[in-house]
């Protein structure tokens, strides 16, 4: 059995330590785990037969922004790309619809829908690209 996963987490079989006696958390990506825990900078994920553990550079409970910058930049990249693209596309669609003679409400609805779709897509792409680049390091 391998004891390091593809993301560099340490794998601990539940036979070694069947019960975690620390508080469950919602902070962090579960990566398919049933539960997750934090103990200081340790991030522990609970799967059916094992745990995975890694140490974060910054505890998100103490410094959420610092954690995003150092340990999870893919979330910031995704959010920034989504916001930027949504604003640009939404603004362009609104202006185009108004020039076509649509009223402000209809133009705004078209702009919001288009902006959300484009922003969501851009955010997913930026998240995936940043996450892939992070794993290459």
C-alpha atoms as a PDB file:
ATOM      1  CA  UNK A   1       0.000   0.000   0.000  1.00  0.00           C
ATOM      2  CA  UNK A   2       1.181   3.508  -0.807  1.00  0.00           C
ATOM      3  CA  UNK A   3       1.265   5.939   2.095  1.00  0.00           C
ATOM      4  CA  UNK A   4       1.396   9.170   0.060  1.00  0.00           C
ATOM      5  CA  UNK A   5      -1.441  10.077  -2.329  1.00  0.00           C
ATOM      6  CA  UNK A   6      -1.246  11.993  -5.627  1.00  0.00           C
ATOM      7  CA  UNK A   7      -1.703  15.324  -3.812  1.00  0.00           C
ATOM      8  CA  UNK A   8       1.147  14.652  -1.357  1.00  0.00           C
ATOM      9  CA  UNK A   9      -1.126  13.808   1.578  1.00  0.00           C
ATOM     10  CA  UNK A  10      -0.051  11.144   4.064  1.00  0.00           C
ATOM     11  CA  UNK A  11      -2.431   8.153   4.040  1.00  0.00           C
ATOM     12  CA  UNK A  12      -3.172   6.619   7.442  1.00  0.00           C
ATOM     13  CA  UNK A  13      -5.201   3.376   7.536  1.00  0.00           C
ATOM     14  CA  UNK A  14      -8.068   3.450  10.030  1.00  0.00           C
ATOM     15  CA  UNK A  15      -6.640   0.271  11.549  1.00  0.00           C
ATOM     16  CA  UNK A  16      -3.781   2.444  12.846  1.00  0.00           C
ATOM     17  CA  UNK A  17      -6.011   5.154  14.302  1.00  0.00           C
ATOM     18  CA  UNK A  18      -9.734   4.319  14.003  1.00  0.00           C
ATOM     19  CA  UNK A  19     -11.135   7.338  15.863  1.00  0.00           C
ATOM     20  CA  UNK A  20     -10.259  10.997  15.525  1.00  0.00           C
ATOM     21  CA  UNK A  21     -11.013  12.805  18.781  1.00  0.00           C
ATOM     22  CA  UNK A  22     -11.083  16.330  17.369  1.00  0.00           C
ATOM     23  CA  UNK A  23     -13.783  18.662  16.111  1.00  0.00           C
ATOM     24  CA  UNK A  24     -15.152  18.264  12.599  1.00  0.00           C
ATOM     25  CA  UNK A  25     -14.861  21.269  10.264  1.00  0.00           C
ATOM     26  CA  UNK A  26     -16.450  22.468   7.043  1.00  0.00           C
ATOM     27  CA  UNK A  27     -13.408  24.534   6.090  1.00  0.00           C
ATOM     28  CA  UNK A  28     -11.564  23.116   3.112  1.00  0.00           C
ATOM     29  CA  UNK A  29     -12.225  20.958   0.100  1.00  0.00           C
ATOM     30  CA  UNK A  30     -13.429  17.479   1.083  1.00  0.00           C
ATOM     31  CA  UNK A  31     -12.035  15.743  -2.034  1.00  0.00           C
ATOM     32  CA  UNK A  32     -14.693  13.061  -1.595  1.00  0.00           C
ATOM     33  CA  UNK A  33     -14.095  12.502   2.119  1.00  0.00           C
ATOM     34  CA  UNK A  34     -17.042  11.747   4.402  1.00  0.00           C
ATOM     35  CA  UNK A  35     -15.750  14.210   7.025  1.00  0.00           C
ATOM     36  CA  UNK A  36     -12.800  16.485   7.613  1.00  0.00           C
ATOM     37  CA  UNK A  37     -11.063  17.821  10.670  1.00  0.00           C
ATOM     38  CA  UNK A  38      -8.567  20.528  11.525  1.00  0.00           C
ATOM     39  CA  UNK A  39      -6.080  20.451  14.374  1.00  0.00           C
ATOM     40  CA  UNK A  40      -3.875  23.523  14.237  1.00  0.00           C
ATOM     41  CA  UNK A  41      -2.490  23.553  10.710  1.00  0.00           C
ATOM     42  CA  UNK A  42      -3.244  19.849  10.177  1.00  0.00           C
ATOM     43  CA  UNK A  43      -6.017  19.157   7.666  1.00  0.00           C
ATOM     44  CA  UNK A  44      -7.381  15.619   8.089  1.00  0.00           C
ATOM     45  CA  UNK A  45      -9.847  14.005   5.686  1.00  0.00           C
ATOM     46  CA  UNK A  46     -11.850  10.955   6.766  1.00  0.00           C
ATOM     47  CA  UNK A  47     -12.547   8.335   4.071  1.00  0.00           C
ATOM     48  CA  UNK A  48     -14.153   4.880   4.471  1.00  0.00           C
ATOM     49  CA  UNK A  49     -10.944   2.951   5.116  1.00  0.00           C
ATOM     50  CA  UNK A  50      -8.314   5.609   5.771  1.00  0.00           C
ATOM     51  CA  UNK A  51      -7.479   9.201   6.624  1.00  0.00           C
ATOM     52  CA  UNK A  52      -5.360  11.607   4.614  1.00  0.00           C
ATOM     53  CA  UNK A  53      -3.360  14.291   6.382  1.00  0.00           C
ATOM     54  CA  UNK A  54      -1.406  17.314   5.242  1.00  0.00           C
ATOM     55  CA  UNK A  55      -0.087  20.433   6.937  1.00  0.00           C
ATOM     56  CA  UNK A  56      -1.330  23.798   5.685  1.00  0.00           C
ATOM     57  CA  UNK A  57       1.003  26.778   5.707  1.00  0.00           C
ATOM     58  CA  UNK A  58      -1.730  28.933   7.286  1.00  0.00           C
ATOM     59  CA  UNK A  59      -4.626  27.846   9.513  1.00  0.00           C
ATOM     60  CA  UNK A  60      -7.821  29.080   7.771  1.00  0.00           C
ATOM     61  CA  UNK A  61      -9.551  29.528  11.142  1.00  0.00           C
ATOM     62  CA  UNK A  62      -6.892  32.068  12.143  1.00  0.00           C
ATOM     63  CA  UNK A  63      -6.183  33.780   8.797  1.00  0.00           C
ATOM     64  CA  UNK A  64      -8.678  32.867   6.035  1.00  0.00           C
ATOM     65  CA  UNK A  65      -7.217  35.253   3.446  1.00  0.00           C
ATOM     66  CA  UNK A  66      -3.666  34.115   4.178  1.00  0.00           C
ATOM     67  CA  UNK A  67      -4.812  30.517   3.802  1.00  0.00           C
ATOM     68  CA  UNK A  68      -6.362  31.261   0.415  1.00  0.00           C
ATOM     69  CA  UNK A  69      -3.221  33.048  -0.754  1.00  0.00           C
ATOM     70  CA  UNK A  70      -0.740  30.414   0.368  1.00  0.00           C
ATOM     71  CA  UNK A  71      -2.625  27.099   0.496  1.00  0.00           C
ATOM     72  CA  UNK A  72      -5.590  27.469  -1.870  1.00  0.00           C
ATOM     73  CA  UNK A  73      -4.839  30.072  -4.562  1.00  0.00           C
ATOM     74  CA  UNK A  74      -6.998  28.185  -7.060  1.00  0.00           C
ATOM     75  CA  UNK A  75     -10.112  29.443  -5.258  1.00  0.00           C
ATOM     76  CA  UNK A  76      -8.974  33.071  -5.488  1.00  0.00           C
ATOM     77  CA  UNK A  77      -8.033  32.663  -9.152  1.00  0.00           C
ATOM     78  CA  UNK A  78     -11.421  31.135  -9.925  1.00  0.00           C
ATOM     79  CA  UNK A  79     -13.343  33.820  -8.063  1.00  0.00           C
ATOM     80  CA  UNK A  80     -11.339  36.652  -9.632  1.00  0.00           C
ATOM     81  CA  UNK A  81     -11.740  35.255 -13.149  1.00  0.00           C
ATOM     82  CA  UNK A  82     -15.461  34.672 -12.601  1.00  0.00           C
ATOM     83  CA  UNK A  83     -16.043  38.208 -11.322  1.00  0.00           C
ATOM     84  CA  UNK A  84     -13.990  39.850 -14.075  1.00  0.00           C
ATOM     85  CA  UNK A  85     -15.513  37.905 -16.964  1.00  0.00           C
ATOM     86  CA  UNK A  86     -19.058  38.171 -15.573  1.00  0.00           C
ATOM     87  CA  UNK A  87     -18.713  41.949 -15.305  1.00  0.00           C
ATOM     88  CA  UNK A  88     -17.226  42.361 -18.784  1.00  0.00           C
ATOM     89  CA  UNK A  89     -19.685  40.052 -20.548  1.00  0.00           C
ATOM     90  CA  UNK A  90     -22.671  41.359 -18.597  1.00  0.00           C
ATOM     91  CA  UNK A  91     -21.761  44.960 -19.378  1.00  0.00           C
ATOM     92  CA  UNK A  92     -21.251  44.240 -23.066  1.00  0.00           C
ATOM     93  CA  UNK A  93     -24.543  42.357 -23.351  1.00  0.00           C
ATOM     94  CA  UNK A  94     -26.419  45.105 -21.513  1.00  0.00           C
ATOM     95  CA  UNK A  95     -25.013  47.797 -23.831  1.00  0.00           C
ATOM     96  CA  UNK A  96     -25.752  45.711 -26.931  1.00  0.00           C
ATOM     97  CA  UNK A  97     -29.345  44.980 -25.891  1.00  0.00           C
ATOM     98  CA  UNK A  98     -30.001  48.642 -25.082  1.00  0.00           C
ATOM     99  CA  UNK A  99     -28.651  49.681 -28.508  1.00  0.00           C
ATOM    100  CA  UNK A 100     -30.995  47.089 -30.061  1.00  0.00           C
ATOM    101  CA  UNK A 101     -33.909  48.896 -28.401  1.00  0.00           C
ATOM    102  CA  UNK A 102     -34.665  46.565 -25.490  1.00  0.00           C
ATOM    103  CA  UNK A 103     -35.895  48.196 -22.294  1.00  0.00           C
ATOM    104  CA  UNK A 104     -33.563  48.428 -19.301  1.00  0.00           C
ATOM    105  CA  UNK A 105     -35.148  45.500 -17.402  1.00  0.00           C
ATOM    106  CA  UNK A 106     -34.957  43.071 -20.317  1.00  0.00           C
ATOM    107  CA  UNK A 107     -31.404  44.172 -21.118  1.00  0.00           C
ATOM    108  CA  UNK A 108     -30.421  43.703 -17.466  1.00  0.00           C
ATOM    109  CA  UNK A 109     -31.916  40.198 -17.354  1.00  0.00           C
ATOM    110  CA  UNK A 110     -30.016  39.211 -20.517  1.00  0.00           C
ATOM    111  CA  UNK A 111     -26.842  40.740 -19.087  1.00  0.00           C
ATOM    112  CA  UNK A 112     -27.124  38.936 -15.738  1.00  0.00           C
ATOM    113  CA  UNK A 113     -27.815  35.555 -17.335  1.00  0.00           C
ATOM    114  CA  UNK A 114     -24.985  35.933 -19.852  1.00  0.00           C
ATOM    115  CA  UNK A 115     -22.598  37.253 -17.215  1.00  0.00           C
ATOM    116  CA  UNK A 116     -23.355  34.392 -14.839  1.00  0.00           C
ATOM    117  CA  UNK A 117     -22.828  31.728 -17.502  1.00  0.00           C
ATOM    118  CA  UNK A 118     -19.601  33.294 -18.786  1.00  0.00           C
ATOM    119  CA  UNK A 119     -18.317  34.029 -15.282  1.00  0.00           C
ATOM    120  CA  UNK A 120     -19.038  30.522 -14.045  1.00  0.00           C
ATOM    121  CA  UNK A 121     -17.234  29.027 -17.038  1.00  0.00           C
ATOM    122  CA  UNK A 122     -14.231  31.321 -16.656  1.00  0.00           C
ATOM    123  CA  UNK A 123     -14.070  30.610 -12.931  1.00  0.00           C
ATOM    124  CA  UNK A 124     -14.082  26.843 -13.486  1.00  0.00           C
ATOM    125  CA  UNK A 125     -11.325  27.131 -16.098  1.00  0.00           C
ATOM    126  CA  UNK A 126      -9.166  29.392 -13.931  1.00  0.00           C
ATOM    127  CA  UNK A 127      -9.691  27.109 -10.916  1.00  0.00           C
ATOM    128  CA  UNK A 128      -8.709  24.009 -12.913  1.00  0.00           C
ATOM    129  CA  UNK A 129      -5.685  25.693 -14.487  1.00  0.00           C
ATOM    130  CA  UNK A 130      -4.409  27.059 -11.178  1.00  0.00           C
ATOM    131  CA  UNK A 131      -5.005  23.731  -9.429  1.00  0.00           C
ATOM    132  CA  UNK A 132      -3.102  21.885 -12.177  1.00  0.00           C
ATOM    133  CA  UNK A 133      -0.231  24.371 -12.026  1.00  0.00           C
ATOM    134  CA  UNK A 134      -0.101  24.033  -8.234  1.00  0.00           C
ATOM    135  CA  UNK A 135       0.262  20.244  -8.548  1.00  0.00           C
ATOM    136  CA  UNK A 136       3.121  20.559 -11.070  1.00  0.00           C
ATOM    137  CA  UNK A 137       5.312  22.357  -8.521  1.00  0.00           C
END
